[in-house]
PDB file of N, CA and C in Angstrom:
ATOM      1  N   MET A   1     -25.197  44.043 -38.072  1.00  0.00           N
ATOM      2  CA  MET A   1     -23.915  44.509 -38.518  1.00  0.00           C
ATOM      3  C   MET A   1     -23.489  45.687 -37.665  1.00  0.00           C
ATOM      4  N   VAL A   2     -22.243  45.930 -37.659  1.00  0.00           N
ATOM      5  CA  VAL A   2     -21.725  47.032 -36.892  1.00  0.00           C
ATOM      6  C   VAL A   2     -21.942  48.303 -37.688  1.00  0.00           C
ATOM      7  N   ARG A   3     -22.698  49.215 -37.110  1.00  0.00           N
ATOM      8  CA  ARG A   3     -23.009  50.451 -37.826  1.00  0.00           C
ATOM      9  C   ARG A   3     -21.787  51.351 -37.870  1.00  0.00           C
ATOM     10  N   GLY A   4     -21.594  52.052 -38.970  1.00  0.00           N
ATOM     11  CA  GLY A   4     -20.471  52.959 -39.116  1.00  0.00           C
ATOM     12  C   GLY A   4     -19.188  52.282 -39.547  1.00  0.00           C
ATOM     13  N   THR A   5     -19.214  50.990 -39.723  1.00  0.00           N
ATOM     14  CA  THR A   5     -18.019  50.259 -40.149  1.00  0.00           C
ATOM     15  C   THR A   5     -18.247  49.709 -41.549  1.00  0.00           C
ATOM     16  N   ARG A   6     -17.358  50.004 -42.479  1.00  0.00           N
ATOM     17  CA  ARG A   6     -17.466  49.469 -43.834  1.00  0.00           C
ATOM     18  C   ARG A   6     -16.736  48.139 -43.888  1.00  0.00           C
ATOM     19  N   LEU A   7     -17.380  47.195 -44.520  1.00  0.00           N
ATOM     20  CA  LEU A   7     -16.741  45.900 -44.691  1.00  0.00           C
ATOM     21  C   LEU A   7     -15.832  45.952 -45.908  1.00  0.00           C
ATOM     22  N   PRO A   8     -14.625  45.395 -45.834  1.00  0.00           N
ATOM     23  CA  PRO A   8     -13.726  45.438 -46.979  1.00  0.00           C
ATOM     24  C   PRO A   8     -14.247  44.570 -48.116  1.00  0.00           C
ATOM     25  N   GLY A   9     -13.972  45.003 -49.322  1.00  0.00           N
ATOM     26  CA  GLY A   9     -14.378  44.238 -50.501  1.00  0.00           C
ATOM     27  C   GLY A   9     -15.839  44.465 -50.831  1.00  0.00           C
ATOM     28  N   PRO A  10     -16.251  43.976 -51.981  1.00  0.00           N
ATOM     29  CA  PRO A  10     -17.650  44.135 -52.367  1.00  0.00           C
ATOM     30  C   PRO A  10     -18.542  43.304 -51.442  1.00  0.00           C
ATOM     31  N   VAL A  11     -19.700  43.868 -51.138  1.00  0.00           N
ATOM     32  CA  VAL A  11     -20.647  43.198 -50.253  1.00  0.00           C
ATOM     33  C   VAL A  11     -21.906  42.892 -51.049  1.00  0.00           C
ATOM     34  N   SER A  12     -22.333  41.644 -50.984  1.00  0.00           N
ATOM     35  CA  SER A  12     -23.563  41.290 -51.669  1.00  0.00           C
ATOM     36  C   SER A  12     -24.736  41.602 -50.761  1.00  0.00           C
ATOM     37  N   PRO A  13     -25.941  41.729 -51.320  1.00  0.00           N
ATOM     38  CA  PRO A  13     -27.104  41.961 -50.467  1.00  0.00           C
ATOM     39  C   PRO A  13     -27.204  40.849 -49.430  1.00  0.00           C
ATOM     40  N   ALA A  14     -27.740  41.187 -48.283  1.00  0.00           N
ATOM     41  CA  ALA A  14     -27.844  40.199 -47.200  1.00  0.00           C
ATOM     42  C   ALA A  14     -29.093  39.352 -47.394  1.00  0.00           C
ATOM     43  N   PRO A  15     -28.939  38.147 -47.918  1.00  0.00           N
ATOM     44  CA  PRO A  15     -30.105  37.303 -48.112  1.00  0.00           C
ATOM     45  C   PRO A  15     -30.582  36.731 -46.788  1.00  0.00           C
ATOM     46  N   ARG A  16     -31.858  36.405 -46.734  1.00  0.00           N
ATOM     47  CA  ARG A  16     -32.358  35.764 -45.529  1.00  0.00           C
ATOM     48  C   ARG A  16     -31.724  34.378 -45.444  1.00  0.00           C
ATOM     49  N   GLN A  17     -31.133  34.074 -44.311  1.00  0.00           N
ATOM     50  CA  GLN A  17     -30.409  32.823 -44.145  1.00  0.00           C
ATOM     51  C   GLN A  17     -31.194  31.790 -43.362  1.00  0.00           C
ATOM     52  N   GLY A  18     -32.293  32.196 -42.763  1.00  0.00           N
ATOM     53  CA  GLY A  18     -33.062  31.257 -41.970  1.00  0.00           C
ATOM     54  C   GLY A  18     -33.768  31.949 -40.827  1.00  0.00           C
ATOM     55  N   ARG A  19     -34.300  31.139 -39.947  1.00  0.00           N
ATOM     56  CA  ARG A  19     -35.028  31.647 -38.790  1.00  0.00           C
ATOM     57  C   ARG A  19     -34.522  30.960 -37.533  1.00  0.00           C
ATOM     58  N   THR A  20     -34.687  31.644 -36.425  1.00  0.00           N
ATOM     59  CA  THR A  20     -34.378  31.084 -35.118  1.00  0.00           C
ATOM     60  C   THR A  20     -35.225  31.811 -34.100  1.00  0.00           C
ATOM     61  N   VAL A  21     -35.075  31.484 -32.841  1.00  0.00           N
ATOM     62  CA  VAL A  21     -35.781  32.168 -31.758  1.00  0.00           C
ATOM     63  C   VAL A  21     -34.739  32.764 -30.824  1.00  0.00           C
ATOM     64  N   ILE A  22     -34.874  34.067 -30.527  1.00  0.00           N
ATOM     65  CA  ILE A  22     -33.975  34.758 -29.603  1.00  0.00           C
ATOM     66  C   ILE A  22     -34.842  35.398 -28.527  1.00  0.00           C
ATOM     67  N   ASP A  23     -34.610  35.029 -27.289  1.00  0.00           N
ATOM     68  CA  ASP A  23     -35.379  35.559 -26.148  1.00  0.00           C
ATOM     69  C   ASP A  23     -36.880  35.470 -26.393  1.00  0.00           C
ATOM     70  N   GLY A  24     -37.323  34.362 -26.955  1.00  0.00           N
ATOM     71  CA  GLY A  24     -38.746  34.136 -27.184  1.00  0.00           C
ATOM     72  C   GLY A  24     -39.313  34.800 -28.428  1.00  0.00           C
ATOM     73  N   GLN A  25     -38.476  35.486 -29.194  1.00  0.00           N
ATOM     74  CA  GLN A  25     -38.931  36.178 -30.401  1.00  0.00           C
ATOM     75  C   GLN A  25     -38.458  35.447 -31.643  1.00  0.00           C
ATOM     76  N   GLN A  26     -39.353  35.302 -32.621  1.00  0.00           N
ATOM     77  CA  GLN A  26     -38.950  34.765 -33.910  1.00  0.00           C
ATOM     78  C   GLN A  26     -37.983  35.752 -34.548  1.00  0.00           C
ATOM     79  N   ALA A  27     -36.878  35.251 -35.085  1.00  0.00           N
ATOM     80  CA  ALA A  27     -35.850  36.122 -35.665  1.00  0.00           C
ATOM     81  C   ALA A  27     -35.430  35.602 -37.033  1.00  0.00           C
ATOM     82  N   LEU A  28     -35.145  36.538 -37.928  1.00  0.00           N
ATOM     83  CA  LEU A  28     -34.574  36.230 -39.234  1.00  0.00           C
ATOM     84  C   LEU A  28     -33.067  36.393 -39.123  1.00  0.00           C
ATOM     85  N   ILE A  29     -32.324  35.526 -39.792  1.00  0.00           N
ATOM     86  CA  ILE A  29     -30.856  35.590 -39.768  1.00  0.00           C
ATOM     87  C   ILE A  29     -30.389  36.131 -41.114  1.00  0.00           C
ATOM     88  N   LEU A  30     -29.646  37.235 -41.081  1.00  0.00           N
ATOM     89  CA  LEU A  30     -29.108  37.861 -42.300  1.00  0.00           C
ATOM     90  C   LEU A  30     -27.590  37.812 -42.247  1.00  0.00           C
ATOM     91  N   THR A  31     -26.975  37.525 -43.387  1.00  0.00           N
ATOM     92  CA  THR A  31     -25.524  37.423 -43.448  1.00  0.00           C
ATOM     93  C   THR A  31     -25.000  38.273 -44.590  1.00  0.00           C
ATOM     94  N   ALA A  32     -23.959  39.075 -44.322  1.00  0.00           N
ATOM     95  CA  ALA A  32     -23.291  39.844 -45.366  1.00  0.00           C
ATOM     96  C   ALA A  32     -22.131  39.009 -45.884  1.00  0.00           C
ATOM     97  N   LEU A  33     -22.056  38.854 -47.181  1.00  0.00           N
ATOM     98  CA  LEU A  33     -20.987  38.077 -47.800  1.00  0.00           C
ATOM     99  C   LEU A  33     -19.981  39.033 -48.426  1.00  0.00           C
ATOM    100  N   THR A  34     -18.711  38.892 -48.069  1.00  0.00           N
ATOM    101  CA  THR A  34     -17.682  39.770 -48.615  1.00  0.00           C
ATOM    102  C   THR A  34     -16.635  38.936 -49.331  1.00  0.00           C
ATOM    103  N   ALA A  35     -15.809  39.616 -50.119  1.00  0.00           N
ATOM    104  CA  ALA A  35     -14.735  38.944 -50.845  1.00  0.00           C
ATOM    105  C   ALA A  35     -13.556  38.642 -49.919  1.00  0.00           C
ATOM    106  N   SER A  36     -13.534  39.274 -48.761  1.00  0.00           N
ATOM    107  CA  SER A  36     -12.427  39.049 -47.824  1.00  0.00           C
ATOM    108  C   SER A  36     -12.858  38.029 -46.772  1.00  0.00           C
ATOM    109  N   ASP A  37     -12.105  37.953 -45.700  1.00  0.00           N
ATOM    110  CA  ASP A  37     -12.437  36.991 -44.656  1.00  0.00           C
ATOM    111  C   ASP A  37     -13.350  37.588 -43.582  1.00  0.00           C
ATOM    112  N   VAL A  38     -13.977  38.716 -43.864  1.00  0.00           N
ATOM    113  CA  VAL A  38     -14.883  39.352 -42.915  1.00  0.00           C
ATOM    114  C   VAL A  38     -16.248  38.681 -42.996  1.00  0.00           C
ATOM    115  N   SER A  39     -16.811  38.388 -41.858  1.00  0.00           N
ATOM    116  CA  SER A  39     -18.142  37.803 -41.791  1.00  0.00           C
ATOM    117  C   SER A  39     -19.002  38.658 -40.877  1.00  0.00           C
ATOM    118  N   ALA A  40     -20.159  39.091 -41.371  1.00  0.00           N
ATOM    119  CA  ALA A  40     -21.082  39.885 -40.562  1.00  0.00           C
ATOM    120  C   ALA A  40     -22.452  39.231 -40.628  1.00  0.00           C
ATOM    121  N   ARG A  41     -23.075  39.116 -39.479  1.00  0.00           N
ATOM    122  CA  ARG A  41     -24.393  38.483 -39.416  1.00  0.00           C
ATOM    123  C   ARG A  41     -25.275  39.299 -38.473  1.00  0.00           C
ATOM    124  N   GLU A  42     -26.549  39.401 -38.813  1.00  0.00           N
ATOM    125  CA  GLU A  42     -27.495  40.115 -37.960  1.00  0.00           C
ATOM    126  C   GLU A  42     -28.761  39.293 -37.822  1.00  0.00           C
ATOM    127  N   TRP A  43     -29.275  39.273 -36.616  1.00  0.00           N
ATOM    128  CA  TRP A  43     -30.539  38.612 -36.331  1.00  0.00           C
ATOM    129  C   TRP A  43     -31.554  39.711 -36.078  1.00  0.00           C
ATOM    130  N   VAL A  44     -32.645  39.731 -36.832  1.00  0.00           N
ATOM    131  CA  VAL A  44     -33.664  40.770 -36.686  1.00  0.00           C
ATOM    132  C   VAL A  44     -34.995  40.131 -36.342  1.00  0.00           C
ATOM    133  N   SER A  45     -35.827  40.881 -35.648  1.00  0.00           N
ATOM    134  CA  SER A  45     -37.160  40.407 -35.287  1.00  0.00           C
ATOM    135  C   SER A  45     -37.957  40.146 -36.556  1.00  0.00           C
ATOM    136  N   ALA A  46     -38.603  38.996 -36.626  1.00  0.00           N
ATOM    137  CA  ALA A  46     -39.407  38.653 -37.801  1.00  0.00           C
ATOM    138  C   ALA A  46     -40.651  39.525 -37.898  1.00  0.00           C
ATOM    139  N   SER A  47     -41.097  40.116 -36.796  1.00  0.00           N
ATOM    140  CA  SER A  47     -42.315  40.932 -36.840  1.00  0.00           C
ATOM    141  C   SER A  47     -42.044  42.429 -36.970  1.00  0.00           C
ATOM    142  N   THR A  48     -40.938  42.928 -36.387  1.00  0.00           N
ATOM    143  CA  THR A  48     -40.668  44.378 -36.425  1.00  0.00           C
ATOM    144  C   THR A  48     -39.436  44.746 -37.244  1.00  0.00           C
ATOM    145  N   TYR A  49     -38.599  43.764 -37.560  1.00  0.00           N
ATOM    146  CA  TYR A  49     -37.316  43.957 -38.249  1.00  0.00           C
ATOM    147  C   TYR A  49     -36.307  44.757 -37.424  1.00  0.00           C
ATOM    148  N   LEU A  50     -36.569  44.934 -36.133  1.00  0.00           N
ATOM    149  CA  LEU A  50     -35.592  45.583 -35.261  1.00  0.00           C
ATOM    150  C   LEU A  50     -34.457  44.598 -34.973  1.00  0.00           C
ATOM    151  N   PRO A  51     -33.231  45.088 -34.876  1.00  0.00           N
ATOM    152  CA  PRO A  51     -32.113  44.183 -34.602  1.00  0.00           C
ATOM    153  C   PRO A  51     -32.196  43.596 -33.197  1.00  0.00           C
ATOM    154  N   LEU A  52     -31.863  42.305 -33.089  1.00  0.00           N
ATOM    155  CA  LEU A  52     -31.834  41.604 -31.810  1.00  0.00           C
ATOM    156  C   LEU A  52     -30.419  41.192 -31.427  1.00  0.00           C
ATOM    157  N   ARG A  53     -29.595  40.882 -32.426  1.00  0.00           N
ATOM    158  CA  ARG A  53     -28.220  40.444 -32.186  1.00  0.00           C
ATOM    159  C   ARG A  53     -27.399  40.734 -33.434  1.00  0.00           C
ATOM    160  N   ALA A  54     -26.132  41.024 -33.262  1.00  0.00           N
ATOM    161  CA  ALA A  54     -25.241  41.278 -34.397  1.00  0.00           C
ATOM    162  C   ALA A  54     -23.879  40.651 -34.104  1.00  0.00           C
ATOM    163  N   SER A  55     -23.236  40.148 -35.157  1.00  0.00           N
ATOM    164  CA  SER A  55     -21.888  39.603 -34.975  1.00  0.00           C
ATOM    165  C   SER A  55     -20.993  40.049 -36.117  1.00  0.00           C
ATOM    166  N   LEU A  56     -19.727  40.191 -35.794  1.00  0.00           N
ATOM    167  CA  LEU A  56     -18.707  40.560 -36.778  1.00  0.00           C
ATOM    168  C   LEU A  56     -17.489  39.707 -36.479  1.00  0.00           C
ATOM    169  N   SER A  57     -16.922  39.103 -37.512  1.00  0.00           N
ATOM    170  CA  SER A  57     -15.764  38.235 -37.332  1.00  0.00           C
ATOM    171  C   SER A  57     -14.736  38.503 -38.420  1.00  0.00           C
ATOM    172  N   VAL A  58     -13.482  38.654 -38.005  1.00  0.00           N
ATOM    173  CA  VAL A  58     -12.363  38.819 -38.933  1.00  0.00           C
ATOM    174  C   VAL A  58     -11.288  37.833 -38.486  1.00  0.00           C
ATOM    175  N   PRO A  59     -11.347  36.586 -38.995  1.00  0.00           N
ATOM    176  CA  PRO A  59     -10.410  35.553 -38.542  1.00  0.00           C
ATOM    177  C   PRO A  59      -8.934  35.928 -38.712  1.00  0.00           C
ATOM    178  N   SER A  60      -8.586  36.633 -39.790  1.00  0.00           N
ATOM    179  CA  SER A  60      -7.176  36.972 -40.006  1.00  0.00           C
ATOM    180  C   SER A  60      -6.641  37.905 -38.927  1.00  0.00           C
ATOM    181  N   LEU A  61      -7.519  38.638 -38.250  1.00  0.00           N
ATOM    182  CA  LEU A  61      -7.108  39.535 -37.167  1.00  0.00           C
ATOM    183  C   LEU A  61      -7.415  38.937 -35.795  1.00  0.00           C
ATOM    184  N   HIS A  62      -7.894  37.691 -35.785  1.00  0.00           N
ATOM    185  CA  HIS A  62      -8.284  37.025 -34.538  1.00  0.00           C
ATOM    186  C   HIS A  62      -9.304  37.876 -33.777  1.00  0.00           C
ATOM    187  N   PHE A  63     -10.263  38.433 -34.533  1.00  0.00           N
ATOM    188  CA  PHE A  63     -11.270  39.327 -33.958  1.00  0.00           C
ATOM    189  C   PHE A  63     -12.658  38.746 -34.165  1.00  0.00           C
ATOM    190  N   SER A  64     -13.448  38.783 -33.103  1.00  0.00           N
ATOM    191  CA  SER A  64     -14.838  38.360 -33.176  1.00  0.00           C
ATOM    192  C   SER A  64     -15.626  39.133 -32.135  1.00  0.00           C
ATOM    193  N   GLN A  65     -16.803  39.615 -32.523  1.00  0.00           N
ATOM    194  CA  GLN A  65     -17.626  40.388 -31.605  1.00  0.00           C
ATOM    195  C   GLN A  65     -19.082  40.004 -31.808  1.00  0.00           C
ATOM    196  N   ILE A  66     -19.797  39.798 -30.709  1.00  0.00           N
ATOM    197  CA  ILE A  66     -21.230  39.538 -30.756  1.00  0.00           C
ATOM    198  C   ILE A  66     -21.903  40.529 -29.820  1.00  0.00           C
ATOM    199  N   SER A  67     -22.936  41.200 -30.322  1.00  0.00           N
ATOM    200  CA  SER A  67     -23.691  42.158 -29.518  1.00  0.00           C
ATOM    201  C   SER A  67     -25.140  41.719 -29.453  1.00  0.00           C
ATOM    202  N   SER A  68     -25.680  41.647 -28.241  1.00  0.00           N
ATOM    203  CA  SER A  68     -27.102  41.385 -28.061  1.00  0.00           C
ATOM    204  C   SER A  68     -27.790  42.711 -27.800  1.00  0.00           C
ATOM    205  N   ILE A  69     -28.958  42.895 -28.396  1.00  0.00           N
ATOM    206  CA  ILE A  69     -29.662  44.168 -28.328  1.00  0.00           C
ATOM    207  C   ILE A  69     -31.027  43.921 -27.689  1.00  0.00           C
ATOM    208  N   SER A  70     -31.375  44.722 -26.708  1.00  0.00           N
ATOM    209  CA  SER A  70     -32.684  44.605 -26.090  1.00  0.00           C
ATOM    210  C   SER A  70     -33.309  45.997 -25.994  1.00  0.00           C
ATOM    211  N   TYR A  71     -34.590  46.007 -25.775  1.00  0.00           N
ATOM    212  CA  TYR A  71     -35.343  47.259 -25.756  1.00  0.00           C
ATOM    213  C   TYR A  71     -36.158  47.336 -24.474  1.00  0.00           C
ATOM    214  N   LEU A  72     -36.223  48.532 -23.910  1.00  0.00           N
ATOM    215  CA  LEU A  72     -37.045  48.735 -22.727  1.00  0.00           C
ATOM    216  C   LEU A  72     -38.515  48.743 -23.125  1.00  0.00           C
ATOM    217  N   PRO A  73     -39.402  48.250 -22.251  1.00  0.00           N
ATOM    218  CA  PRO A  73     -40.823  48.307 -22.574  1.00  0.00           C
ATOM    219  C   PRO A  73     -41.304  49.766 -22.552  1.00  0.00           C
ATOM    220  N   PRO A  74     -42.327  50.102 -23.327  1.00  0.00           N
ATOM    221  CA  PRO A  74     -42.796  51.500 -23.406  1.00  0.00           C
ATOM    222  C   PRO A  74     -43.686  51.883 -22.221  1.00  0.00           C
ATOM    223  N   THR A  75     -43.150  51.759 -21.018  1.00  0.00           N
ATOM    224  CA  THR A  75     -43.912  52.147 -19.823  1.00  0.00           C
ATOM    225  C   THR A  75     -43.913  53.668 -19.693  1.00  0.00           C
ATOM    226  N   THR A  76     -44.786  54.168 -18.855  1.00  0.00           N
ATOM    227  CA  THR A  76     -44.853  55.617 -18.626  1.00  0.00           C
ATOM    228  C   THR A  76     -43.503  56.143 -18.138  1.00  0.00           C
ATOM    229  N   ALA A  77     -42.884  55.421 -17.217  1.00  0.00           N
ATOM    230  CA  ALA A  77     -41.591  55.863 -16.674  1.00  0.00           C
ATOM    231  C   ALA A  77     -40.514  55.870 -17.758  1.00  0.00           C
ATOM    232  N   ASN A  78     -40.469  54.831 -18.594  1.00  0.00           N
ATOM    233  CA  ASN A  78     -39.454  54.787 -19.651  1.00  0.00           C
ATOM    234  C   ASN A  78     -39.694  55.868 -20.690  1.00  0.00           C
ATOM    235  N   LEU A  79     -40.949  56.082 -21.069  1.00  0.00           N
ATOM    236  CA  LEU A  79     -41.257  57.113 -22.064  1.00  0.00           C
ATOM    237  C   LEU A  79     -40.943  58.512 -21.526  1.00  0.00           C
ATOM    238  N   ALA A  80     -41.063  58.708 -20.219  1.00  0.00           N
ATOM    239  CA  ALA A  80     -40.734  60.007 -19.618  1.00  0.00           C
ATOM    240  C   ALA A  80     -39.260  60.333 -19.796  1.00  0.00           C
ATOM    241  N   GLN A  81     -38.408  59.300 -19.901  1.00  0.00           N
ATOM    242  CA  GLN A  81     -36.976  59.509 -20.097  1.00  0.00           C
ATOM    243  C   GLN A  81     -36.673  60.093 -21.481  1.00  0.00           C
ATOM    244  N   LEU A  82     -37.639  60.033 -22.393  1.00  0.00           N
ATOM    245  CA  LEU A  82     -37.438  60.563 -23.739  1.00  0.00           C
ATOM    246  C   LEU A  82     -37.672  62.071 -23.809  1.00  0.00           C
ATOM    247  N   THR A  83     -38.205  62.652 -22.755  1.00  0.00           N
ATOM    248  CA  THR A  83     -38.461  64.091 -22.714  1.00  0.00           C
ATOM    249  C   THR A  83     -37.145  64.806 -22.432  1.00  0.00           C
ATOM    250  N   ILE A  84     -36.819  65.751 -23.279  1.00  0.00           N
ATOM    251  CA  ILE A  84     -35.564  66.485 -23.082  1.00  0.00           C
ATOM    252  C   ILE A  84     -35.845  67.891 -22.579  1.00  0.00           C
ATOM    253  N   THR A  85     -34.895  68.425 -21.872  1.00  0.00           N
ATOM    254  CA  THR A  85     -34.975  69.800 -21.399  1.00  0.00           C
ATOM    255  C   THR A  85     -34.037  70.637 -22.256  1.00  0.00           C
ATOM    256  N   ILE A  86     -34.590  71.691 -22.837  1.00  0.00           N
ATOM    257  CA  ILE A  86     -33.780  72.596 -23.665  1.00  0.00           C
ATOM    258  C   ILE A  86     -32.872  73.399 -22.739  1.00  0.00           C
ATOM    259  N   PRO A  87     -31.559  73.397 -22.987  1.00  0.00           N
ATOM    260  CA  PRO A  87     -30.646  74.134 -22.125  1.00  0.00           C
ATOM    261  C   PRO A  87     -30.926  75.641 -22.154  1.00  0.00           C
ATOM    262  N   VAL A  88     -30.725  76.285 -21.023  1.00  0.00           N
ATOM    263  CA  VAL A  88     -30.880  77.730 -20.922  1.00  0.00           C
ATOM    264  C   VAL A  88     -29.890  78.376 -21.882  1.00  0.00           C
ATOM    265  N   GLY A  89     -30.338  79.368 -22.618  1.00  0.00           N
ATOM    266  CA  GLY A  89     -29.462  80.062 -23.556  1.00  0.00           C
ATOM    267  C   GLY A  89     -29.462  79.477 -24.951  1.00  0.00           C
ATOM    268  N   PHE A  90     -30.082  78.320 -25.141  1.00  0.00           N
ATOM    269  CA  PHE A  90     -30.138  77.703 -26.463  1.00  0.00           C
ATOM    270  C   PHE A  90     -31.068  78.533 -27.349  1.00  0.00           C
ATOM    271  N   THR A  91     -30.610  78.839 -28.541  1.00  0.00           N
ATOM    272  CA  THR A  91     -31.462  79.547 -29.511  1.00  0.00           C
ATOM    273  C   THR A  91     -31.572  78.708 -30.769  1.00  0.00           C
ATOM    274  N   HIS A  92     -32.790  78.634 -31.268  1.00  0.00           N
ATOM    275  CA  HIS A  92     -33.050  77.845 -32.466  1.00  0.00           C
ATOM    276  C   HIS A  92     -32.882  78.741 -33.689  1.00  0.00           C
ATOM    277  N   ARG A  93     -32.143  78.249 -34.666  1.00  0.00           N
ATOM    278  CA  ARG A  93     -31.964  78.985 -35.922  1.00  0.00           C
ATOM    279  C   ARG A  93     -32.564  78.149 -37.050  1.00  0.00           C
ATOM    280  N   GLN A  94     -33.304  78.791 -37.904  1.00  0.00           N
ATOM    281  CA  GLN A  94     -33.863  78.117 -39.066  1.00  0.00           C
ATOM    282  C   GLN A  94     -32.723  77.773 -40.031  1.00  0.00           C
ATOM    283  N   PRO A  95     -32.776  76.602 -40.655  1.00  0.00           N
ATOM    284  CA  PRO A  95     -31.708  76.241 -41.598  1.00  0.00           C
ATOM    285  C   PRO A  95     -31.689  77.127 -42.826  1.00  0.00           C
TER     286      PRO A  95
END
């Protein structure tokens, strides 16, 4: 589903709709059911529950979007990109 976007109308829990394979990974298909013509579906990894693909469709607005999601492998070089440098002059304040 598209994060940060509220679907119009009441939304029922997303029941498991089935299984498929995406890029060699077993995936669960979840669908959000709304009272309007909005359709949202998400494919998540069956082993990690991380999102693999998401779609949103609003036929009355002639709108449809599909996003494929991939993850970099946890190599030393990729993990090094997670290290941040604290900017000069930054001061930490306790909440």
